[in-house]
Amino acid sequence: MSTSIEQAVEARLVAAAPRMSTIPATLHYDRGDPFAVRMSFPAPATLEGIEVYWTFARELLAQGMERAVGDGDVRVRPYGFDRTVVEFHAPEGTAIVHIRTGELRRFLHRSLALVPTGEEHLHVDLDQDLADLMRDAC
């Protein structure tokens, strides 16, 4: 069985102009980091011209499809019947994207097949994580 999944999603960038640009994005989930999901945007879709990754709690994504959640760098909320809004806050500004809720549900369903909710702790290697922290501190 695979230990990670990726799923391309269509994100619509909300801008000051009335037209929303469609940008490619990819959702990533890895059993080795069971509490997190990562969303990546390719270089052509970013202001910096480099691939950008945002990592945030899987639970935030799941809850955000039902109600507004998050008070930090990533915030998620439902938008109408079939869209979910994900906001990314950084010192350079805020990016707001709309994603089809069905795509997010499929991704979360696949991630839950790898690691069900409540079993994340069974996939965390605390000894390795501590060793990594100690190595990085030196």
Protein backbone atom coordinates (compact mmCIF):
# COMPACT_ATOMS: atom_id res chain seq x y z
CA MET A 1 0.00 0.00 0.00
CA SER A 2 1.25 3.48 -0.85
CA THR A 3 2.35 5.72 1.98
CA SER A 4 1.44 8.97 0.26
CA ILE A 5 -1.08 10.40 -2.17
CA GLU A 6 -1.22 13.38 -4.49
CA GLN A 7 -4.21 14.87 -6.19
CA ALA A 8 -4.33 17.71 -8.68
CA VAL A 9 -7.08 20.24 -8.05
CA GLU A 10 -8.33 23.25 -9.95
CA ALA A 11 -7.97 26.35 -7.83
CA ARG A 12 -9.53 29.63 -8.81
CA LEU A 13 -7.53 32.60 -7.63
CA VAL A 14 -9.71 35.41 -6.29
CA ALA A 15 -8.28 38.77 -7.33
CA ALA A 16 -9.40 42.38 -7.29
CA ALA A 17 -10.63 41.97 -10.87
CA PRO A 18 -14.03 40.33 -11.31
CA ARG A 19 -12.48 37.45 -13.29
CA MET A 20 -10.98 34.58 -11.34
CA SER A 21 -7.92 32.94 -12.84
CA THR A 22 -7.70 29.17 -12.75
CA ILE A 23 -4.38 27.94 -11.40
CA PRO A 24 -3.17 24.38 -11.00
CA ALA A 25 -2.54 23.15 -7.49
CA THR A 26 -1.72 19.79 -5.96
CA LEU A 27 -2.78 18.37 -2.62
CA HIS A 28 -0.31 16.00 -0.94
CA TYR A 29 -0.75 13.65 2.02
CA ASP A 30 1.95 11.44 3.50
CA ARG A 31 1.45 8.82 6.18
CA GLY A 32 4.85 9.88 7.62
CA ASP A 33 3.31 13.26 8.57
CA PRO A 34 -0.21 12.03 9.36
CA PHE A 35 -1.69 15.21 10.81
CA ALA A 36 -0.79 17.43 7.83
CA VAL A 37 -1.69 18.06 4.23
CA ARG A 38 0.42 20.08 1.84
CA MET A 39 -0.86 22.18 -1.02
CA SER A 40 1.58 23.17 -3.72
CA PHE A 41 1.40 25.74 -6.48
CA PRO A 42 3.73 25.55 -9.49
CA ALA A 43 6.22 28.34 -10.21
CA PRO A 44 4.22 30.01 -13.03
CA ALA A 45 1.26 30.46 -10.63
CA THR A 46 3.22 32.31 -7.93
CA LEU A 47 4.43 35.89 -7.59
CA GLU A 48 7.94 34.71 -6.72
CA GLY A 49 8.21 32.50 -9.80
CA ILE A 50 9.11 29.47 -7.66
CA GLU A 51 7.04 26.50 -6.54
CA VAL A 52 5.28 27.33 -3.28
CA TYR A 53 4.12 24.85 -0.61
CA TRP A 54 1.72 25.45 2.26
CA THR A 55 1.45 22.81 4.98
CA PHE A 56 -1.51 22.79 7.34
CA ALA A 57 -3.64 20.44 9.42
CA ARG A 58 -5.72 17.82 7.63
CA GLU A 59 -8.39 18.48 10.25
CA LEU A 60 -8.48 22.16 9.23
CA LEU A 61 -9.29 21.18 5.66
CA ALA A 62 -11.95 18.69 6.75
CA GLN A 63 -13.68 21.11 9.13
CA GLY A 64 -13.37 24.04 6.74
CA MET A 65 -15.68 22.42 4.22
CA GLU A 66 -18.48 22.64 6.82
CA ARG A 67 -17.73 25.89 8.67
CA ALA A 68 -15.16 28.70 8.83
CA VAL A 69 -12.02 27.56 10.66
CA GLY A 70 -8.49 28.79 11.17
CA ASP A 71 -7.09 31.95 12.67
CA GLY A 72 -3.50 31.69 11.53
CA ASP A 73 -1.74 31.62 8.19
CA VAL A 74 -4.27 29.23 6.63
CA ARG A 75 -8.03 29.67 6.91
CA VAL A 76 -10.73 27.53 5.32
CA ARG A 77 -14.47 28.07 4.89
CA PRO A 78 -17.35 26.84 2.75
CA TYR A 79 -18.47 29.03 -0.14
CA GLY A 80 -21.88 28.25 -1.54
CA PHE A 81 -22.93 24.71 -2.27
CA ASP A 82 -19.94 23.37 -4.14
CA ARG A 83 -16.88 25.49 -3.33
CA THR A 84 -14.48 25.79 -0.45
CA VAL A 85 -12.33 28.86 0.12
CA VAL A 86 -8.75 28.47 1.30
CA GLU A 87 -6.94 31.64 2.37
CA PHE A 88 -3.16 31.77 2.65
CA HIS A 89 -1.82 34.69 4.72
CA ALA A 90 1.84 35.71 4.44
CA PRO A 91 3.79 38.91 5.07
CA GLU A 92 3.73 39.56 1.30
CA GLY A 93 -0.07 39.44 1.20
CA THR A 94 -3.04 37.10 1.11
CA ALA A 95 -3.93 34.59 -1.57
CA ILE A 96 -7.52 33.38 -1.68
CA VAL A 97 -8.46 30.36 -3.76
CA HIS A 98 -11.74 28.58 -4.42
CA ILE A 99 -11.63 24.80 -4.81
CA ARG A 100 -14.46 22.44 -5.68
CA THR A 101 -15.59 20.85 -2.44
CA GLY A 102 -16.05 17.50 -4.20
CA GLU A 103 -12.36 17.45 -5.10
CA LEU A 104 -11.42 18.13 -1.48
CA ARG A 105 -13.77 15.41 -0.24
CA ARG A 106 -12.20 12.86 -2.64
CA PHE A 107 -8.73 13.83 -1.46
CA LEU A 108 -9.69 13.57 2.22
CA HIS A 109 -11.41 10.23 1.63
CA ARG A 110 -8.20 8.90 0.08
CA SER A 111 -6.11 10.27 2.97
CA LEU A 112 -8.45 8.66 5.50
CA ALA A 113 -7.97 5.32 3.75
CA LEU A 114 -4.24 5.67 4.50
CA VAL A 115 -4.62 6.94 8.07
CA PRO A 116 -8.08 7.07 9.65
CA THR A 117 -8.94 9.97 11.95
CA GLY A 118 -7.82 9.13 15.48
CA GLU A 119 -5.04 6.78 14.32
CA GLU A 120 -2.54 9.46 13.33
CA HIS A 121 -0.47 8.89 16.47
CA LEU A 122 0.22 5.32 15.34
CA HIS A 123 2.16 6.66 12.35
CA VAL A 124 4.34 9.20 14.14
CA ASP A 125 7.94 8.19 14.81
CA LEU A 126 8.74 10.35 17.84
CA ASP A 127 12.27 8.97 18.18
CA GLN A 128 13.11 9.87 14.58
CA ASP A 129 11.42 13.27 14.85
CA LEU A 130 13.41 14.05 18.02
CA ALA A 131 16.63 12.90 16.37
CA ASP A 132 15.90 15.17 13.39
CA LEU A 133 15.28 18.14 15.71
CA MET A 134 18.49 17.51 17.62
CA ARG A 135 20.49 17.19 14.39
CA ASP A 136 19.06 20.45 13.06
CA ALA A 137 19.84 22.24 16.36
CA CYS A 138 23.55 21.49 16.14
